[in-house]
Amino acid sequence: MMGTFASVLATKKIRTHTDRFQANVEGDIENVEGVLKITVIRVHYVLKLNPKEEDDARWAMENYVEKCPAAMSVTGCIGIEHSLELVAE
């Protein structure tokens, strides 16, 4: 998911080098009818950018999931929540 988001950000010329872009990921594993299942994945992105790039970054956040093979593979089976924290450089 992070790679797809970075690719979409790149279309807007927003740099995502390791010192500028990170993802913190956590999930929930629950007992569903006697079987342990991953039920939710939460991804919190942190992106350093020029304030002029904020609108493009928010657009990328709203549009990357439908281009993401990983997210599309589990949609309907595992809930995906994502958030974006923008930090001015």
PDB file of N, CA and C in Angstrom:
ATOM      1  N   MET A   1       0.820  -1.183   0.000  1.00  0.00           N
ATOM      2  CA  MET A   1       0.000   0.000   0.000  1.00  0.00           C
ATOM      3  C   MET A   1       0.870   1.255   0.000  1.00  0.00           C
ATOM      4  N   MET A   2       1.926   1.217   0.798  1.00  0.00           N
ATOM      5  CA  MET A   2       2.809   2.386   0.870  1.00  0.00           C
ATOM      6  C   MET A   2       3.449   2.666  -0.488  1.00  0.00           C
ATOM      7  N   GLY A   3       3.839   1.610  -1.190  1.00  0.00           N
ATOM      8  CA  GLY A   3       4.455   1.789  -2.502  1.00  0.00           C
ATOM      9  C   GLY A   3       3.488   2.377  -3.517  1.00  0.00           C
ATOM     10  N   THR A   4       2.250   1.937  -3.480  1.00  0.00           N
ATOM     11  CA  THR A   4       1.250   2.486  -4.397  1.00  0.00           C
ATOM     12  C   THR A   4       0.971   3.947  -4.068  1.00  0.00           C
ATOM     13  N   PHE A   5       0.854   4.255  -2.789  1.00  0.00           N
ATOM     14  CA  PHE A   5       0.630   5.647  -2.390  1.00  0.00           C
ATOM     15  C   PHE A   5       1.805   6.510  -2.849  1.00  0.00           C
ATOM     16  N   ALA A   6       3.040   6.017  -2.662  1.00  0.00           N
ATOM     17  CA  ALA A   6       4.228   6.764  -3.110  1.00  0.00           C
ATOM     18  C   ALA A   6       4.194   6.976  -4.620  1.00  0.00           C
ATOM     19  N   SER A   7       3.747   5.985  -5.373  1.00  0.00           N
ATOM     20  CA  SER A   7       3.660   6.119  -6.832  1.00  0.00           C
ATOM     21  C   SER A   7       2.654   7.188  -7.233  1.00  0.00           C
ATOM     22  N   VAL A   8       1.524   7.225  -6.543  1.00  0.00           N
ATOM     23  CA  VAL A   8       0.516   8.241  -6.845  1.00  0.00           C
ATOM     24  C   VAL A   8       1.035   9.623  -6.440  1.00  0.00           C
ATOM     25  N   LEU A   9       1.719   9.717  -5.313  1.00  0.00           N
ATOM     26  CA  LEU A   9       2.328  10.996  -4.924  1.00  0.00           C
ATOM     27  C   LEU A   9       3.346  11.443  -5.971  1.00  0.00           C
ATOM     28  N   ALA A  10       4.095  10.500  -6.527  1.00  0.00           N
ATOM     29  CA  ALA A  10       5.103  10.833  -7.543  1.00  0.00           C
ATOM     30  C   ALA A  10       4.469  11.441  -8.788  1.00  0.00           C
ATOM     31  N   THR A  11       3.234  11.040  -9.120  1.00  0.00           N
ATOM     32  CA  THR A  11       2.568  11.637 -10.285  1.00  0.00           C
ATOM     33  C   THR A  11       2.314  13.125 -10.067  1.00  0.00           C
ATOM     34  N   LYS A  12       2.285  13.525  -8.796  1.00  0.00           N
ATOM     35  CA  LYS A  12       2.108  14.944  -8.444  1.00  0.00           C
ATOM     36  C   LYS A  12       3.441  15.606  -8.092  1.00  0.00           C
ATOM     37  N   LYS A  13       4.543  14.879  -8.364  1.00  0.00           N
ATOM     38  CA  LYS A  13       5.904  15.378  -8.124  1.00  0.00           C
ATOM     39  C   LYS A  13       6.190  15.639  -6.643  1.00  0.00           C
ATOM     40  N   ILE A  14       5.561  14.837  -5.775  1.00  0.00           N
ATOM     41  CA  ILE A  14       5.818  14.920  -4.341  1.00  0.00           C
ATOM     42  C   ILE A  14       6.838  13.831  -3.994  1.00  0.00           C
ATOM     43  N   ARG A  15       7.952  14.257  -3.421  1.00  0.00           N
ATOM     44  CA  ARG A  15       9.042  13.331  -3.098  1.00  0.00           C
ATOM     45  C   ARG A  15       8.690  12.486  -1.875  1.00  0.00           C
ATOM     46  N   THR A  16       9.112  11.211  -1.916  1.00  0.00           N
ATOM     47  CA  THR A  16       8.799  10.290  -0.823  1.00  0.00           C
ATOM     48  C   THR A  16      10.030   9.516  -0.360  1.00  0.00           C
ATOM     49  N   HIS A  17      11.175  10.168  -0.328  1.00  0.00           N
ATOM     50  CA  HIS A  17      12.381   9.513   0.184  1.00  0.00           C
ATOM     51  C   HIS A  17      12.145   9.094   1.631  1.00  0.00           C
ATOM     52  N   THR A  18      12.967   8.161   2.118  1.00  0.00           N
ATOM     53  CA  THR A  18      12.754   7.598   3.455  1.00  0.00           C
ATOM     54  C   THR A  18      12.756   8.628   4.576  1.00  0.00           C
ATOM     55  N   ASP A  19      13.451   9.739   4.410  1.00  0.00           N
ATOM     56  CA  ASP A  19      13.444  10.762   5.452  1.00  0.00           C
ATOM     57  C   ASP A  19      12.195  11.653   5.384  1.00  0.00           C
ATOM     58  N   ARG A  20      11.360  11.452   4.374  1.00  0.00           N
ATOM     59  CA  ARG A  20      10.182  12.303   4.169  1.00  0.00           C
ATOM     60  C   ARG A  20       8.860  11.551   4.294  1.00  0.00           C
ATOM     61  N   PHE A  21       8.900  10.213   4.252  1.00  0.00           N
ATOM     62  CA  PHE A  21       7.670   9.436   4.123  1.00  0.00           C
ATOM     63  C   PHE A  21       7.782   8.166   4.954  1.00  0.00           C
ATOM     64  N   GLN A  22       6.804   7.936   5.799  1.00  0.00           N
ATOM     65  CA  GLN A  22       6.784   6.694   6.574  1.00  0.00           C
ATOM     66  C   GLN A  22       5.352   6.242   6.779  1.00  0.00           C
ATOM     67  N   ALA A  23       5.211   4.978   7.128  1.00  0.00           N
ATOM     68  CA  ALA A  23       3.896   4.424   7.432  1.00  0.00           C
ATOM     69  C   ALA A  23       3.988   3.655   8.741  1.00  0.00           C
ATOM     70  N   ASN A  24       3.039   3.890   9.601  1.00  0.00           N
ATOM     71  CA  ASN A  24       2.895   3.126  10.836  1.00  0.00           C
ATOM     72  C   ASN A  24       1.654   2.263  10.657  1.00  0.00           C
ATOM     73  N   VAL A  25       1.843   0.955  10.814  1.00  0.00           N
ATOM     74  CA  VAL A  25       0.769   0.013  10.503  1.00  0.00           C
ATOM     75  C   VAL A  25       0.457  -0.838  11.729  1.00  0.00           C
ATOM     76  N   GLU A  26      -0.822  -1.036  11.966  1.00  0.00           N
ATOM     77  CA  GLU A  26      -1.262  -1.947  13.019  1.00  0.00           C
ATOM     78  C   GLU A  26      -2.552  -2.606  12.554  1.00  0.00           C
ATOM     79  N   GLY A  27      -2.895  -3.677  13.206  1.00  0.00           N
ATOM     80  CA  GLY A  27      -4.102  -4.377  12.810  1.00  0.00           C
ATOM     81  C   GLY A  27      -4.743  -5.077  13.983  1.00  0.00           C
ATOM     82  N   ASP A  28      -5.928  -5.583  13.750  1.00  0.00           N
ATOM     83  CA  ASP A  28      -6.666  -6.332  14.756  1.00  0.00           C
ATOM     84  C   ASP A  28      -6.810  -7.772  14.289  1.00  0.00           C
ATOM     85  N   ILE A  29      -6.531  -8.684  15.204  1.00  0.00           N
ATOM     86  CA  ILE A  29      -6.763 -10.106  14.960  1.00  0.00           C
ATOM     87  C   ILE A  29      -7.851 -10.527  15.931  1.00  0.00           C
ATOM     88  N   GLU A  30      -8.909 -11.113  15.385  1.00  0.00           N
ATOM     89  CA  GLU A  30     -10.050 -11.483  16.211  1.00  0.00           C
ATOM     90  C   GLU A  30     -10.416 -12.941  15.985  1.00  0.00           C
ATOM     91  N   ASN A  31     -11.059 -13.501  16.989  1.00  0.00           N
ATOM     92  CA  ASN A  31     -11.591 -14.856  16.879  1.00  0.00           C
ATOM     93  C   ASN A  31     -12.949 -14.761  16.189  1.00  0.00           C
ATOM     94  N   VAL A  32     -13.020 -15.276  14.979  1.00  0.00           N
ATOM     95  CA  VAL A  32     -14.271 -15.252  14.217  1.00  0.00           C
ATOM     96  C   VAL A  32     -14.708 -16.699  14.029  1.00  0.00           C
ATOM     97  N   GLU A  33     -15.720 -17.079  14.794  1.00  0.00           N
ATOM     98  CA  GLU A  33     -16.255 -18.442  14.745  1.00  0.00           C
ATOM     99  C   GLU A  33     -15.160 -19.488  14.929  1.00  0.00           C
ATOM    100  N   GLY A  34     -14.281 -19.242  15.914  1.00  0.00           N
ATOM    101  CA  GLY A  34     -13.241 -20.198  16.245  1.00  0.00           C
ATOM    102  C   GLY A  34     -11.986 -20.125  15.397  1.00  0.00           C
ATOM    103  N   VAL A  35     -11.918 -19.159  14.484  1.00  0.00           N
ATOM    104  CA  VAL A  35     -10.741 -18.994  13.624  1.00  0.00           C
ATOM    105  C   VAL A  35     -10.179 -17.591  13.837  1.00  0.00           C
ATOM    106  N   LEU A  36      -8.864 -17.507  14.077  1.00  0.00           N
ATOM    107  CA  LEU A  36      -8.234 -16.201  14.204  1.00  0.00           C
ATOM    108  C   LEU A  36      -8.118 -15.569  12.820  1.00  0.00           C
ATOM    109  N   LYS A  37      -8.628 -14.349  12.709  1.00  0.00           N
ATOM    110  CA  LYS A  37      -8.616 -13.655  11.418  1.00  0.00           C
ATOM    111  C   LYS A  37      -8.167 -12.210  11.617  1.00  0.00           C
ATOM    112  N   ILE A  38      -7.429 -11.704  10.637  1.00  0.00           N
ATOM    113  CA  ILE A  38      -7.141 -10.273  10.604  1.00  0.00           C
ATOM    114  C   ILE A  38      -8.425  -9.597  10.144  1.00  0.00           C
ATOM    115  N   THR A  39      -8.941  -8.698  10.965  1.00  0.00           N
ATOM    116  CA  THR A  39     -10.215  -8.060  10.621  1.00  0.00           C
ATOM    117  C   THR A  39     -10.064  -6.612  10.176  1.00  0.00           C
ATOM    118  N   VAL A  40      -9.021  -5.936  10.669  1.00  0.00           N
ATOM    119  CA  VAL A  40      -8.808  -4.531  10.310  1.00  0.00           C
ATOM    120  C   VAL A  40      -7.308  -4.265  10.224  1.00  0.00           C
ATOM    121  N   ILE A  41      -6.926  -3.497   9.214  1.00  0.00           N
ATOM    122  CA  ILE A  41      -5.567  -2.989   9.086  1.00  0.00           C
ATOM    123  C   ILE A  41      -5.661  -1.472   9.082  1.00  0.00           C
ATOM    124  N   ARG A  42      -4.876  -0.834   9.970  1.00  0.00           N
ATOM    125  CA  ARG A  42      -4.845   0.629  10.036  1.00  0.00           C
ATOM    126  C   ARG A  42      -3.466   1.099   9.596  1.00  0.00           C
ATOM    127  N   VAL A  43      -3.436   2.009   8.635  1.00  0.00           N
ATOM    128  CA  VAL A  43      -2.181   2.559   8.124  1.00  0.00           C
ATOM    129  C   VAL A  43      -2.204   4.064   8.349  1.00  0.00           C
ATOM    130  N   HIS A  44      -1.203   4.542   9.073  1.00  0.00           N
ATOM    131  CA  HIS A  44      -1.076   5.983   9.321  1.00  0.00           C
ATOM    132  C   HIS A  44       0.187   6.456   8.614  1.00  0.00           C
ATOM    133  N   TYR A  45       0.016   7.262   7.577  1.00  0.00           N
ATOM    134  CA  TYR A  45       1.139   7.802   6.816  1.00  0.00           C
ATOM    135  C   TYR A  45       1.566   9.142   7.404  1.00  0.00           C
ATOM    136  N   VAL A  46       2.878   9.385   7.398  1.00  0.00           N
ATOM    137  CA  VAL A  46       3.431  10.678   7.789  1.00  0.00           C
ATOM    138  C   VAL A  46       4.277  11.148   6.611  1.00  0.00           C
ATOM    139  N   LEU A  47       3.968  12.339   6.121  1.00  0.00           N
ATOM    140  CA  LEU A  47       4.621  12.861   4.927  1.00  0.00           C
ATOM    141  C   LEU A  47       5.099  14.285   5.168  1.00  0.00           C
ATOM    142  N   LYS A  48       6.403  14.511   4.976  1.00  0.00           N
ATOM    143  CA  LYS A  48       6.956  15.865   5.020  1.00  0.00           C
ATOM    144  C   LYS A  48       6.842  16.453   3.623  1.00  0.00           C
ATOM    145  N   LEU A  49       6.348  17.671   3.542  1.00  0.00           N
ATOM    146  CA  LEU A  49       6.181  18.287   2.237  1.00  0.00           C
ATOM    147  C   LEU A  49       6.125  19.797   2.349  1.00  0.00           C
ATOM    148  N   ASN A  50       6.224  20.415   1.212  1.00  0.00           N
ATOM    149  CA  ASN A  50       6.043  21.852   1.102  1.00  0.00           C
ATOM    150  C   ASN A  50       4.545  22.122   1.249  1.00  0.00           C
ATOM    151  N   PRO A  51       4.146  23.109   2.056  1.00  0.00           N
ATOM    152  CA  PRO A  51       2.718  23.383   2.223  1.00  0.00           C
ATOM    153  C   PRO A  51       1.953  23.571   0.906  1.00  0.00           C
ATOM    154  N   LYS A  52       2.635  23.999  -0.144  1.00  0.00           N
ATOM    155  CA  LYS A  52       1.973  24.150  -1.450  1.00  0.00           C
ATOM    156  C   LYS A  52       1.527  22.807  -2.031  1.00  0.00           C
ATOM    157  N   GLU A  53       2.090  21.706  -1.527  1.00  0.00           N
ATOM    158  CA  GLU A  53       1.777  20.372  -2.047  1.00  0.00           C
ATOM    159  C   GLU A  53       0.628  19.683  -1.313  1.00  0.00           C
ATOM    160  N   GLU A  54       0.086  20.329  -0.287  1.00  0.00           N
ATOM    161  CA  GLU A  54      -0.928  19.679   0.553  1.00  0.00           C
ATOM    162  C   GLU A  54      -2.155  19.213  -0.222  1.00  0.00           C
ATOM    163  N   ASP A  55      -2.691  20.036  -1.096  1.00  0.00           N
ATOM    164  CA  ASP A  55      -3.892  19.638  -1.850  1.00  0.00           C
ATOM    165  C   ASP A  55      -3.611  18.405  -2.706  1.00  0.00           C
ATOM    166  N   ASP A  56      -2.451  18.368  -3.351  1.00  0.00           N
ATOM    167  CA  ASP A  56      -2.100  17.209  -4.168  1.00  0.00           C
ATOM    168  C   ASP A  56      -1.910  15.965  -3.304  1.00  0.00           C
ATOM    169  N   ALA A  57      -1.332  16.118  -2.126  1.00  0.00           N
ATOM    170  CA  ALA A  57      -1.138  14.978  -1.230  1.00  0.00           C
ATOM    171  C   ALA A  57      -2.483  14.436  -0.757  1.00  0.00           C
ATOM    172  N   ARG A  58      -3.397  15.324  -0.433  1.00  0.00           N
ATOM    173  CA  ARG A  58      -4.738  14.875  -0.005  1.00  0.00           C
ATOM    174  C   ARG A  58      -5.469  14.182  -1.163  1.00  0.00           C
ATOM    175  N   TRP A  59      -5.318  14.702  -2.373  1.00  0.00           N
ATOM    176  CA  TRP A  59      -5.920  14.056  -3.547  1.00  0.00           C
ATOM    177  C   TRP A  59      -5.354  12.646  -3.716  1.00  0.00           C
ATOM    178  N   ALA A  60      -4.030  12.509  -3.587  1.00  0.00           N
ATOM    179  CA  ALA A  60      -3.396  11.198  -3.721  1.00  0.00           C
ATOM    180  C   ALA A  60      -3.928  10.234  -2.667  1.00  0.00           C
ATOM    181  N   MET A  61      -4.095  10.711  -1.447  1.00  0.00           N
ATOM    182  CA  MET A  61      -4.613   9.872  -0.362  1.00  0.00           C
ATOM    183  C   MET A  61      -6.014   9.366  -0.678  1.00  0.00           C
ATOM    184  N   GLU A  62      -6.825  10.217  -1.270  1.00  0.00           N
ATOM    185  CA  GLU A  62      -8.203   9.842  -1.596  1.00  0.00           C
ATOM    186  C   GLU A  62      -8.289   8.878  -2.777  1.00  0.00           C
ATOM    187  N   ASN A  63      -7.227   8.792  -3.581  1.00  0.00           N
ATOM    188  CA  ASN A  63      -7.334   8.043  -4.833  1.00  0.00           C
ATOM    189  C   ASN A  63      -6.387   6.849  -4.991  1.00  0.00           C
ATOM    190  N   TYR A  64      -5.469   6.624  -4.064  1.00  0.00           N
ATOM    191  CA  TYR A  64      -4.492   5.569  -4.290  1.00  0.00           C
ATOM    192  C   TYR A  64      -5.030   4.159  -4.052  1.00  0.00           C
ATOM    193  N   VAL A  65      -5.988   3.995  -3.146  1.00  0.00           N
ATOM    194  CA  VAL A  65      -6.426   2.651  -2.754  1.00  0.00           C
ATOM    195  C   VAL A  65      -6.954   1.851  -3.932  1.00  0.00           C
ATOM    196  N   GLU A  66      -7.717   2.467  -4.802  1.00  0.00           N
ATOM    197  CA  GLU A  66      -8.280   1.706  -5.917  1.00  0.00           C
ATOM    198  C   GLU A  66      -7.221   1.296  -6.944  1.00  0.00           C
ATOM    199  N   LYS A  67      -5.997   1.830  -6.826  1.00  0.00           N
ATOM    200  CA  LYS A  67      -4.895   1.435  -7.704  1.00  0.00           C
ATOM    201  C   LYS A  67      -3.961   0.434  -7.024  1.00  0.00           C
ATOM    202  N   CYS A  68      -4.240   0.085  -5.773  1.00  0.00           N
ATOM    203  CA  CYS A  68      -3.338  -0.729  -4.961  1.00  0.00           C
ATOM    204  C   CYS A  68      -3.705  -2.214  -5.022  1.00  0.00           C
ATOM    205  N   PRO A  69      -2.826  -3.048  -5.586  1.00  0.00           N
ATOM    206  CA  PRO A  69      -3.120  -4.485  -5.664  1.00  0.00           C
ATOM    207  C   PRO A  69      -3.346  -5.115  -4.288  1.00  0.00           C
ATOM    208  N   ALA A  70      -2.560  -4.739  -3.287  1.00  0.00           N
ATOM    209  CA  ALA A  70      -2.721  -5.332  -1.956  1.00  0.00           C
ATOM    210  C   ALA A  70      -4.079  -4.968  -1.360  1.00  0.00           C
ATOM    211  N   ALA A  71      -4.425  -3.698  -1.409  1.00  0.00           N
ATOM    212  CA  ALA A  71      -5.707  -3.260  -0.849  1.00  0.00           C
ATOM    213  C   ALA A  71      -6.878  -3.894  -1.600  1.00  0.00           C
ATOM    214  N   MET A  72      -6.799  -3.935  -2.905  1.00  0.00           N
ATOM    215  CA  MET A  72      -7.889  -4.506  -3.695  1.00  0.00           C
ATOM    216  C   MET A  72      -8.018  -6.018  -3.475  1.00  0.00           C
ATOM    217  N   SER A  73      -6.913  -6.668  -3.115  1.00  0.00           N
ATOM    218  CA  SER A  73      -6.942  -8.118  -2.868  1.00  0.00           C
ATOM    219  C   SER A  73      -7.697  -8.469  -1.592  1.00  0.00           C
ATOM    220  N   VAL A  74      -7.697  -7.575  -0.604  1.00  0.00           N
ATOM    221  CA  VAL A  74      -8.342  -7.900   0.669  1.00  0.00           C
ATOM    222  C   VAL A  74      -9.631  -7.123   0.922  1.00  0.00           C
ATOM    223  N   THR A  75      -9.964  -6.190   0.046  1.00  0.00           N
ATOM    224  CA  THR A  75     -11.195  -5.421   0.218  1.00  0.00           C
ATOM    225  C   THR A  75     -12.381  -6.380   0.279  1.00  0.00           C
ATOM    226  N   GLY A  76     -13.219  -6.179   1.268  1.00  0.00           N
ATOM    227  CA  GLY A  76     -14.363  -7.056   1.467  1.00  0.00           C
ATOM    228  C   GLY A  76     -14.072  -8.164   2.467  1.00  0.00           C
ATOM    229  N   CYS A  77     -12.806  -8.440   2.713  1.00  0.00           N
ATOM    230  CA  CYS A  77     -12.403  -9.468   3.679  1.00  0.00           C
ATOM    231  C   CYS A  77     -11.798  -8.844   4.937  1.00  0.00           C
ATOM    232  N   ILE A  78     -11.006  -7.820   4.740  1.00  0.00           N
ATOM    233  CA  ILE A  78     -10.320  -7.132   5.827  1.00  0.00           C
ATOM    234  C   ILE A  78     -10.601  -5.639   5.686  1.00  0.00           C
ATOM    235  N   GLY A  79     -11.016  -5.025   6.757  1.00  0.00           N
ATOM    236  CA  GLY A  79     -11.238  -3.583   6.734  1.00  0.00           C
ATOM    237  C   GLY A  79      -9.911  -2.847   6.648  1.00  0.00           C
ATOM    238  N   ILE A  80      -9.868  -1.803   5.867  1.00  0.00           N
ATOM    239  CA  ILE A  80      -8.671  -0.985   5.741  1.00  0.00           C
ATOM    240  C   ILE A  80      -9.019   0.441   6.136  1.00  0.00           C
ATOM    241  N   GLU A  81      -8.264   0.957   7.092  1.00  0.00           N
ATOM    242  CA  GLU A  81      -8.409   2.348   7.514  1.00  0.00           C
ATOM    243  C   GLU A  81      -7.072   3.025   7.256  1.00  0.00           C
ATOM    244  N   HIS A  82      -7.106   4.215   6.719  1.00  0.00           N
ATOM    245  CA  HIS A  82      -5.855   4.925   6.494  1.00  0.00           C
ATOM    246  C   HIS A  82      -6.020   6.393   6.861  1.00  0.00           C
ATOM    247  N   SER A  83      -4.907   6.978   7.291  1.00  0.00           N
ATOM    248  CA  SER A  83      -4.903   8.378   7.660  1.00  0.00           C
ATOM    249  C   SER A  83      -3.587   8.983   7.200  1.00  0.00           C
ATOM    250  N   LEU A  84      -3.588  10.294   7.074  1.00  0.00           N
ATOM    251  CA  LEU A  84      -2.414  11.007   6.578  1.00  0.00           C
ATOM    252  C   LEU A  84      -2.113  12.189   7.469  1.00  0.00           C
ATOM    253  N   GLU A  85      -0.875  12.240   7.942  1.00  0.00           N
ATOM    254  CA  GLU A  85      -0.386  13.362   8.726  1.00  0.00           C
ATOM    255  C   GLU A  85       0.613  14.117   7.863  1.00  0.00           C
ATOM    256  N   LEU A  86       0.350  15.386   7.639  1.00  0.00           N
ATOM    257  CA  LEU A  86       1.229  16.213   6.831  1.00  0.00           C
ATOM    258  C   LEU A  86       2.083  17.087   7.742  1.00  0.00           C
ATOM    259  N   VAL A  87       3.396  17.081   7.476  1.00  0.00           N
ATOM    260  CA  VAL A  87       4.343  17.839   8.273  1.00  0.00           C
ATOM    261  C   VAL A  87       5.053  18.817   7.331  1.00  0.00           C
ATOM    262  N   ALA A  88       4.981  20.092   7.641  1.00  0.00           N
ATOM    263  CA  ALA A  88       5.632  21.094   6.790  1.00  0.00           C
ATOM    264  C   ALA A  88       7.145  20.953   6.901  1.00  0.00           C
ATOM    265  N   GLU A  89       7.820  21.053   5.730  1.00  0.00           N
ATOM    266  CA  GLU A  89       9.292  20.961   5.746  1.00  0.00           C
ATOM    267  C   GLU A  89       9.906  22.300   6.003  1.00  0.00           C
TER     268      GLU A  89
END
